[in-house]
N, C-alpha and C. Protein backbone atom coordinates (compact mmCIF):
# COMPACT_ATOMS: atom_id res chain seq x y z
N MET A 1 107.43 68.40 -19.54
CA MET A 1 106.22 67.42 -18.86
C MET A 1 106.11 66.56 -17.90
N ASN A 2 105.91 66.77 -17.33
CA ASN A 2 106.29 65.86 -15.75
C ASN A 2 105.13 64.26 -15.36
N TRP A 3 105.31 63.28 -15.46
CA TRP A 3 105.01 62.76 -15.21
C TRP A 3 105.37 61.54 -13.46
N THR A 4 104.09 61.86 -13.20
CA THR A 4 104.33 61.76 -11.34
C THR A 4 103.61 60.54 -10.94
N GLU A 5 104.31 59.63 -9.61
CA GLU A 5 103.39 58.82 -9.17
C GLU A 5 102.26 59.41 -9.01
N LYS A 6 102.35 60.64 -8.02
CA LYS A 6 100.38 61.36 -8.08
C LYS A 6 99.50 61.09 -9.35
N LYS A 7 99.68 61.72 -10.45
CA LYS A 7 99.37 61.00 -12.05
C LYS A 7 98.80 60.04 -12.14
N ASN A 8 100.02 58.98 -11.92
CA ASN A 8 100.15 57.26 -12.63
C ASN A 8 98.63 56.72 -11.65
N GLN A 9 98.76 57.47 -10.23
CA GLN A 9 98.15 56.90 -8.88
C GLN A 9 96.42 57.29 -9.59
N ARG A 10 95.95 58.94 -9.93
CA ARG A 10 95.20 59.19 -10.20
C ARG A 10 94.08 58.25 -11.71
N ARG A 11 95.51 57.96 -12.32
CA ARG A 11 95.11 57.50 -14.27
C ARG A 11 94.03 55.67 -13.89
N CYS A 12 95.27 55.21 -12.12
CA CYS A 12 94.48 53.84 -12.19
C CYS A 12 93.33 54.18 -11.17
N GLU A 13 93.44 54.61 -10.60
CA GLU A 13 91.97 54.89 -9.83
C GLU A 13 90.87 55.07 -11.68
N LEU A 14 91.01 55.74 -12.02
CA LEU A 14 90.15 56.56 -13.46
C LEU A 14 89.75 54.75 -14.11
N ILE A 15 91.19 54.32 -14.47
CA ILE A 15 91.06 52.95 -14.97
C ILE A 15 90.14 52.65 -14.59
N ASP A 16 89.97 51.48 -13.17
CA ASP A 16 88.95 51.54 -12.06
C ASP A 16 87.85 51.27 -12.07
N LYS A 17 86.67 52.82 -11.94
CA LYS A 17 85.98 53.23 -12.11
C LYS A 17 85.65 53.02 -13.16
N GLU A 18 86.67 53.11 -13.91
CA GLU A 18 86.11 52.60 -15.62
C GLU A 18 85.68 51.76 -15.88
N ILE A 19 86.56 50.16 -15.25
CA ILE A 19 86.13 48.89 -15.47
C ILE A 19 85.03 48.90 -14.65
N ASP A 20 84.45 49.27 -14.30
CA ASP A 20 83.03 49.57 -12.29
C ASP A 20 82.66 49.43 -13.72
N GLY A 21 82.91 50.98 -14.25
CA GLY A 21 80.75 51.20 -15.18
C GLY A 21 80.36 52.64 -14.35
N PHE A 22 81.75 52.96 -13.78
CA PHE A 22 80.90 54.48 -12.46
C PHE A 22 81.72 55.60 -12.95
N LEU A 23 82.25 55.88 -14.25
CA LEU A 23 83.12 57.11 -14.92
C LEU A 23 82.81 58.11 -14.78
N SER A 24 82.87 59.34 -15.05
CA SER A 24 80.86 61.17 -14.83
C SER A 24 82.42 61.06 -15.93
N ILE A 25 81.59 62.13 -16.88
CA ILE A 25 81.63 62.59 -18.31
C ILE A 25 83.07 63.47 -17.96
N ALA A 26 83.62 64.25 -17.01
CA ALA A 26 84.11 64.55 -16.38
C ALA A 26 85.24 63.55 -16.20
N GLU A 27 84.83 62.25 -15.46
CA GLU A 27 86.53 61.69 -14.92
C GLU A 27 87.13 61.19 -16.50
N SER A 28 85.45 60.77 -16.95
CA SER A 28 86.90 60.28 -19.11
C SER A 28 87.16 61.63 -19.30
N LEU A 29 86.88 62.60 -19.11
CA LEU A 29 88.52 63.22 -19.32
C LEU A 29 89.48 63.99 -18.74
N GLU A 30 89.25 63.96 -17.96
CA GLU A 30 90.60 63.40 -17.09
C GLU A 30 91.16 62.05 -17.48
N LEU A 31 90.39 60.93 -17.27
CA LEU A 31 91.59 59.91 -17.85
C LEU A 31 92.35 60.53 -19.12
N ASP A 32 91.60 60.56 -20.54
CA ASP A 32 92.10 60.69 -21.63
C ASP A 32 93.14 61.47 -22.21
N GLN A 33 92.37 62.61 -20.40
CA GLN A 33 93.93 63.47 -20.75
C GLN A 33 95.54 63.07 -20.26
N LEU A 34 95.10 62.12 -18.72
CA LEU A 34 96.62 61.68 -18.58
C LEU A 34 96.79 60.44 -19.69
N GLN A 35 96.22 59.55 -19.74
CA GLN A 35 97.04 58.48 -20.77
C GLN A 35 97.39 58.46 -21.80
N ASN A 36 96.86 60.68 -22.32
CA ASN A 36 97.74 60.95 -23.82
C ASN A 36 99.60 61.33 -23.25
N GLU A 37 98.99 62.03 -21.94
CA GLU A 37 100.85 63.06 -21.03
C GLU A 37 101.34 61.05 -20.49
N MET A 38 100.91 60.54 -20.39
CA MET A 38 101.78 58.96 -19.53
C MET A 38 102.37 58.04 -21.16
N GLU A 39 101.62 58.11 -21.87
CA GLU A 39 102.10 57.98 -23.80
C GLU A 39 103.25 59.44 -23.92
N LYS A 40 102.65 60.15 -24.04
CA LYS A 40 103.55 60.97 -24.59
C LYS A 40 105.52 60.40 -23.23
N TYR A 41 105.60 60.22 -21.82
CA TYR A 41 106.19 60.33 -21.42
C TYR A 41 106.93 58.80 -21.86
N ARG A 42 106.33 58.09 -21.46
CA ARG A 42 106.99 56.63 -22.29
C ARG A 42 107.12 56.29 -23.18
N LYS A 43 107.10 57.74 -24.97
CA LYS A 43 108.17 57.56 -25.49
C LYS A 43 109.00 58.14 -25.31
N LYS A 44 108.68 59.86 -24.71
CA LYS A 44 109.75 59.64 -24.62
C LYS A 44 111.82 59.19 -23.21
N LYS A 45 111.10 58.64 -22.72
CA LYS A 45 111.52 58.11 -21.23
C LYS A 45 112.28 55.94 -21.98
N ALA A 46 110.91 55.91 -22.99
CA ALA A 46 111.41 54.76 -23.27
C ALA A 46 110.86 54.26 -24.62
N PRO A 47 111.39 54.33 -25.91
CA PRO A 47 110.78 54.22 -26.50
C PRO A 47 110.10 53.10 -27.78
N LEU A 48 109.62 52.31 -27.93
CA LEU A 48 109.78 51.34 -28.50
C LEU A 48 110.42 51.01 -30.01
N PRO A 49 110.95 49.84 -29.61
CA PRO A 49 111.94 49.59 -31.24
C PRO A 49 111.62 48.80 -31.76
N ILE A 50 110.64 50.17 -31.93
CA ILE A 50 109.83 49.20 -33.88
C ILE A 50 110.67 49.23 -35.21
N GLU A 51 110.89 50.05 -34.78
CA GLU A 51 112.16 50.18 -36.51
C GLU A 51 112.86 49.29 -36.40
N ALA A 52 113.76 48.64 -35.42
CA ALA A 52 114.17 47.55 -35.24
C ALA A 52 113.65 45.96 -35.07
N VAL A 53 112.59 46.34 -34.93
CA VAL A 53 111.47 45.06 -34.77
C VAL A 53 110.90 45.20 -36.77
N ARG A 54 110.62 46.08 -36.78
CA ARG A 54 110.60 45.62 -38.56
C ARG A 54 111.34 45.52 -39.44
N ARG A 55 112.74 46.32 -39.23
CA ARG A 55 114.15 45.74 -40.18
C ARG A 55 114.42 43.89 -40.03
N THR A 56 113.35 43.30 -38.37
CA THR A 56 114.31 41.95 -37.66
C THR A 56 113.15 41.24 -38.99
N LYS A 57 112.01 42.09 -38.78
CA LYS A 57 110.55 40.51 -39.24
C LYS A 57 111.52 40.84 -40.76
N LYS A 58 111.45 41.80 -41.58
CA LYS A 58 112.46 41.95 -42.85
C LYS A 58 113.57 40.78 -43.06
N GLU A 59 114.42 40.66 -42.11
CA GLU A 59 115.76 39.88 -42.23
C GLU A 59 114.73 38.70 -42.28
N LEU A 60 114.62 39.04 -41.04
CA LEU A 60 113.27 37.38 -41.06
C LEU A 60 113.08 36.29 -42.65
N GLU A 61 112.19 37.23 -42.92
CA GLU A 61 111.40 37.15 -44.17
C GLU A 61 111.62 36.57 -44.94
N ARG A 62 113.37 37.43 -45.46
CA ARG A 62 113.90 37.66 -46.08
C ARG A 62 114.79 36.37 -46.44
N LEU A 63 115.60 35.12 -45.56
CA LEU A 63 116.21 34.02 -44.71
C LEU A 63 114.81 32.85 -45.40
N VAL A 64 114.09 33.30 -44.95
CA VAL A 64 112.91 32.69 -44.95
C VAL A 64 112.40 32.26 -46.84
N GLU A 65 112.46 33.12 -47.06
CA GLU A 65 112.56 32.39 -48.84
C GLU A 65 113.67 32.05 -49.54
N GLN A 66 115.13 32.56 -48.60
CA GLN A 66 116.07 32.00 -49.31
C GLN A 66 115.78 30.60 -49.27
N ASN A 67 115.68 30.48 -47.67
CA ASN A 67 116.22 28.96 -47.40
C ASN A 67 114.66 28.19 -46.33
N PRO A 68 114.08 27.93 -48.18
CA PRO A 68 112.80 27.82 -47.39
C PRO A 68 112.82 26.60 -46.04
N PRO A 69 111.53 26.61 -44.97
CA PRO A 69 111.75 25.24 -44.35
C PRO A 69 110.90 23.98 -45.01
N PRO A 70 111.27 22.52 -44.59
CA PRO A 70 111.15 21.84 -44.94
C PRO A 70 109.19 21.57 -45.10
N GLN A 71 108.72 21.16 -45.81
CA GLN A 71 107.08 21.20 -46.21
C GLN A 71 107.00 20.50 -43.63
N LYS A 72 107.75 18.72 -44.70
CA LYS A 72 107.81 18.59 -43.07
C LYS A 72 108.12 19.27 -42.10
N TRP A 73 107.73 19.63 -40.97
CA TRP A 73 108.82 20.40 -39.87
C TRP A 73 108.68 19.99 -38.77
N TYR A 74 108.03 18.20 -39.23
CA TYR A 74 107.71 17.31 -37.30
C TYR A 74 108.69 16.31 -37.23
N ASP A 75 108.74 16.11 -36.55
CA ASP A 75 109.81 14.40 -36.25
C ASP A 75 108.74 13.46 -35.68
N GLU A 76 108.10 12.68 -36.52
CA GLU A 76 107.24 11.63 -36.00
C GLU A 76 107.06 10.99 -35.16
N ASP A 77 108.53 11.16 -35.14
CA ASP A 77 108.37 9.76 -33.99
C ASP A 77 107.90 10.28 -32.61
N TRP A 78 108.83 11.87 -32.65
CA TRP A 78 108.68 13.19 -31.23
C TRP A 78 107.13 12.69 -30.56
N LEU A 79 105.78 12.83 -31.89
CA LEU A 79 104.98 13.60 -31.77
C LEU A 79 104.47 11.30 -30.91
N PRO A 80 103.31 12.81 -30.21
CA PRO A 80 103.02 12.10 -29.10
C PRO A 80 101.72 11.08 -29.31
N PHE A 81 100.68 11.01 -30.68
CA PHE A 81 99.45 11.03 -30.84
C PHE A 81 100.59 10.93 -33.11
N GLU A 82 99.83 9.60 -33.63
CA GLU A 82 99.88 10.10 -34.88
C GLU A 82 99.74 11.25 -35.53
N PRO A 83 100.09 11.51 -36.95
CA PRO A 83 99.49 12.68 -37.67
C PRO A 83 98.70 13.19 -37.69
N GLY A 84 97.69 11.65 -37.82
CA GLY A 84 96.34 11.73 -39.07
C GLY A 84 94.85 11.36 -37.48
N ASP A 85 95.86 11.67 -36.48
CA ASP A 85 95.11 11.20 -35.05
C ASP A 85 93.62 12.12 -35.25
N PHE A 86 93.28 13.36 -35.26
CA PHE A 86 92.72 14.50 -34.82
C PHE A 86 91.70 14.41 -36.74
N LYS A 87 91.66 14.02 -37.23
CA LYS A 87 91.17 14.57 -38.83
C LYS A 87 90.08 13.63 -38.76
N GLY A 88 89.03 14.54 -39.00
CA GLY A 88 87.47 14.26 -39.10
C GLY A 88 87.01 14.78 -37.86
N LYS A 89 87.20 15.37 -36.70
CA LYS A 89 86.72 15.29 -35.41
C LYS A 89 86.84 16.54 -34.56
């Protein structure tokens, strides 16, 4: 499968027509095909690091569980307002 600038240009044209509300049924099918081809190409050339993100998230959750943050996570002296200023508004 070869992704080309010409295919991407056509995909963009079809997306513009879809946004404008003028996409025909045939063009919609063509856009679906081009979107699928582009997605396969992207996954092959630049796969998203989903597993690495999941591992990092799990590690961060473990660290937070072992070392929970304090209940009061802000410094009142730094705040440009009083913490109760927005209650009931």
